[in-house]
N, C-alpha and C. Protein backbone atom coordinates (compact mmCIF):
# COMPACT_ATOMS: atom_id res chain seq x y z
N MET A 1 -8.29 22.21 -13.36
CA MET A 1 -9.05 21.26 -12.89
C MET A 1 -8.67 20.21 -13.12
N MET A 2 -8.10 19.64 -14.14
CA MET A 2 -7.95 17.78 -13.93
C MET A 2 -6.48 18.00 -13.74
N SER A 3 -6.01 19.11 -13.20
CA SER A 3 -4.03 18.49 -12.43
C SER A 3 -4.55 17.38 -11.15
N GLY A 4 -5.74 18.22 -10.43
CA GLY A 4 -6.03 17.14 -8.92
C GLY A 4 -6.16 15.85 -9.60
N ASN A 5 -7.24 15.67 -10.69
CA ASN A 5 -7.66 14.38 -10.71
C ASN A 5 -5.97 13.37 -10.98
N LYS A 6 -5.43 14.42 -11.62
CA LYS A 6 -3.94 13.63 -11.97
C LYS A 6 -3.31 13.22 -11.69
N SER A 7 -2.72 14.24 -10.44
CA SER A 7 -2.47 13.91 -8.92
C SER A 7 -2.85 12.95 -8.14
N SER A 8 -3.91 13.05 -7.82
CA SER A 8 -4.57 11.86 -7.00
C SER A 8 -4.45 10.26 -7.30
N GLN A 9 -4.60 10.00 -9.04
CA GLN A 9 -4.64 8.93 -8.85
C GLN A 9 -3.20 7.79 -9.17
N PRO A 10 -2.14 8.98 -9.37
CA PRO A 10 -0.59 8.61 -9.09
C PRO A 10 -0.36 8.01 -7.84
N ASP A 11 -0.96 9.00 -7.02
CA ASP A 11 -0.94 8.97 -5.47
C ASP A 11 -1.58 7.38 -4.76
N GLN A 12 -2.47 7.29 -5.53
CA GLN A 12 -3.70 5.86 -5.10
C GLN A 12 -2.91 5.23 -5.68
N GLU A 13 -1.63 4.68 -6.75
CA GLU A 13 -1.49 3.79 -7.38
C GLU A 13 0.02 3.49 -6.52
N TRP A 14 0.97 4.73 -6.06
CA TRP A 14 1.72 4.24 -5.08
C TRP A 14 1.34 3.78 -4.02
N PHE A 15 0.70 3.92 -3.61
CA PHE A 15 -0.32 3.40 -1.91
C PHE A 15 -0.52 2.17 -2.11
N ASP A 16 -1.29 1.90 -3.44
CA ASP A 16 -1.74 0.23 -3.31
C ASP A 16 -0.50 -0.72 -3.90
N ARG A 17 0.89 0.14 -4.37
CA ARG A 17 2.12 -0.53 -4.52
C ARG A 17 2.64 -1.02 -3.56
N GLY A 18 2.56 -0.33 -2.94
CA GLY A 18 3.03 -0.59 -1.32
C GLY A 18 2.81 -1.40 -0.65
N LYS A 19 1.05 -1.46 -0.62
CA LYS A 19 0.40 -2.24 0.33
C LYS A 19 0.58 -3.93 -0.40
N GLU A 20 0.73 -4.04 -1.64
CA GLU A 20 1.11 -5.42 -2.30
C GLU A 20 2.56 -5.46 -1.68
N ASP A 21 3.39 -4.88 -2.10
CA ASP A 21 5.04 -5.22 -1.49
C ASP A 21 4.64 -5.65 -0.23
N ALA A 22 3.96 -5.44 0.54
CA ALA A 22 4.04 -5.72 2.03
C ALA A 22 3.17 -6.65 2.30
N TRP A 23 2.23 -6.89 1.91
CA TRP A 23 1.39 -7.85 1.35
C TRP A 23 2.34 -9.37 0.64
N ALA A 24 2.83 -9.01 0.02
CA ALA A 24 4.28 -10.07 -0.98
C ALA A 24 4.86 -10.56 -0.11
N GLY A 25 5.11 -9.28 1.13
CA GLY A 25 6.46 -9.84 1.99
C GLY A 25 8.21 -9.26 1.34
N LYS A 26 7.58 -8.45 0.11
CA LYS A 26 8.83 -7.69 -0.36
C LYS A 26 9.11 -6.30 0.61
N SER A 27 10.67 -6.17 0.70
CA SER A 27 11.08 -5.15 0.99
C SER A 27 10.59 -3.87 0.88
N LYS A 28 10.52 -2.66 1.42
CA LYS A 28 10.22 -1.70 1.12
C LYS A 28 11.00 -0.94 -0.18
N GLN A 29 10.34 -0.62 -1.13
CA GLN A 29 11.18 -0.26 -2.65
C GLN A 29 10.52 1.41 -2.87
N PRO A 30 10.12 2.19 -2.24
CA PRO A 30 9.89 3.98 -2.72
C PRO A 30 10.44 4.45 -3.43
N PRO A 31 9.86 4.99 -4.32
CA PRO A 31 10.73 6.05 -5.31
C PRO A 31 11.12 7.01 -5.06
N GLU A 32 12.42 6.91 -5.32
CA GLU A 32 13.74 7.71 -4.83
C GLU A 32 13.45 9.73 -5.46
N HIS A 33 12.62 9.60 -6.59
CA HIS A 33 12.69 10.83 -7.37
C HIS A 33 11.54 11.83 -7.04
N ASP A 34 10.45 11.33 -6.37
CA ASP A 34 9.55 11.81 -5.88
C ASP A 34 9.06 11.40 -4.38
N PRO A 35 9.33 12.46 -3.42
CA PRO A 35 9.13 12.69 -2.09
C PRO A 35 7.39 12.41 -1.71
N GLN A 36 6.79 12.92 -2.82
CA GLN A 36 5.05 12.66 -2.27
C GLN A 36 5.05 11.59 -2.42
N ALA A 37 5.40 10.96 -3.94
CA ALA A 37 4.86 9.07 -4.02
C ALA A 37 5.53 8.44 -3.28
N ALA A 38 6.52 9.03 -2.40
CA ALA A 38 7.10 7.89 -1.59
C ALA A 38 6.77 8.04 -0.18
N SER A 39 6.54 9.10 0.06
CA SER A 39 5.52 9.26 1.09
C SER A 39 4.00 8.03 1.30
N PHE A 40 3.03 8.51 0.18
CA PHE A 40 2.12 7.43 -0.28
C PHE A 40 2.44 6.38 -0.20
N TYR A 41 3.65 5.52 -0.83
CA TYR A 41 4.08 4.35 -0.68
C TYR A 41 4.37 3.73 0.77
N ASP A 42 4.92 4.91 1.76
CA ASP A 42 5.49 4.20 2.78
C ASP A 42 3.75 3.94 3.35
N LEU A 43 3.20 4.72 3.32
CA LEU A 43 1.73 4.80 3.99
C LEU A 43 1.10 3.57 3.82
N GLY A 44 0.99 2.96 2.38
CA GLY A 44 0.76 1.69 1.99
C GLY A 44 1.11 0.83 2.05
N TYR A 45 2.36 0.91 2.62
CA TYR A 45 3.23 -0.63 2.57
C TYR A 45 3.05 -0.62 4.43
N SER A 46 3.04 0.33 5.06
CA SER A 46 2.72 0.21 6.47
C SER A 46 1.02 -0.46 7.17
N GLU A 47 0.36 0.18 5.83
CA GLU A 47 -1.12 -0.33 6.50
C GLU A 47 -1.15 -2.06 6.09
N GLY A 48 -0.07 -2.36 4.85
CA GLY A 48 -0.34 -3.56 4.32
C GLY A 48 0.41 -4.65 5.12
N GLU A 49 1.10 -4.00 5.82
CA GLU A 49 1.91 -4.83 7.13
C GLU A 49 0.77 -4.95 8.21
N ILE A 50 -0.18 -4.07 8.53
CA ILE A 50 -1.11 -4.29 10.03
C ILE A 50 -2.36 -4.62 9.11
N GLU A 51 -2.53 -4.36 8.07
CA GLU A 51 -3.98 -5.50 7.03
C GLU A 51 -3.51 -6.82 6.68
N ARG A 52 -4.21 -7.79 6.45
CA ARG A 52 -4.30 -9.00 6.00
C ARG A 52 -4.58 -8.66 3.88
N SER A 53 -3.64 -9.78 3.73
CA SER A 53 -3.71 -9.82 2.56
C SER A 53 -5.33 -10.31 2.13
N PRO A 54 -6.11 -9.47 0.91
CA PRO A 54 -7.45 -10.02 0.57
C PRO A 54 -7.28 -11.83 0.17
N THR A 55 -5.83 -11.91 -0.41
CA THR A 55 -5.71 -13.44 -0.55
C THR A 55 -5.48 -14.78 0.37
N SER A 56 -5.15 -13.72 1.37
CA SER A 56 -4.73 -14.60 2.56
C SER A 56 -6.31 -15.58 3.25
N PRO A 57 -5.68 -17.06 3.95
CA PRO A 57 -7.04 -17.56 4.28
C PRO A 57 -7.68 -16.61 5.38
N GLN A 58 -8.57 -16.95 5.54
CA GLN A 58 -9.51 -16.02 6.63
C GLN A 58 -9.98 -16.77 7.79
N ALA A 59 -9.63 -18.49 8.25
CA ALA A 59 -9.53 -19.30 9.12
C ALA A 59 -9.50 -18.55 10.54
N ASP A 60 -8.01 -18.18 10.38
CA ASP A 60 -7.59 -17.17 11.33
C ASP A 60 -8.43 -16.48 12.38
N ASP A 61 -9.65 -16.01 11.98
CA ASP A 61 -10.14 -14.79 11.94
C ASP A 61 -11.33 -15.54 12.87
N ALA A 62 -11.25 -17.01 13.17
CA ALA A 62 -12.69 -17.50 13.81
C ALA A 62 -11.74 -17.41 15.45
N GLY A 63 -10.80 -17.73 15.59
CA GLY A 63 -9.90 -18.05 16.98
C GLY A 63 -9.81 -16.67 17.42
N LYS A 64 -9.91 -15.72 17.00
CA LYS A 64 -9.95 -14.29 17.55
C LYS A 64 -11.12 -13.87 18.48
N SER A 65 -12.12 -14.15 18.16
CA SER A 65 -13.27 -14.12 19.12
C SER A 65 -13.29 -13.94 20.35
């Protein structure tokens, strides 16, 4: 029962780390030892490239209307 909870938390952490690296403009640095964690990192990195960082200025959104 706890194993499901245990694995999803690290997955979310790798996803978040990938997203944060993309927002910071860092190169991809997925974990080499864990293919599943690398997949979540890559997914987060890709989403981070598409989305805007929550710390980015929101002024650009006004020009897109």
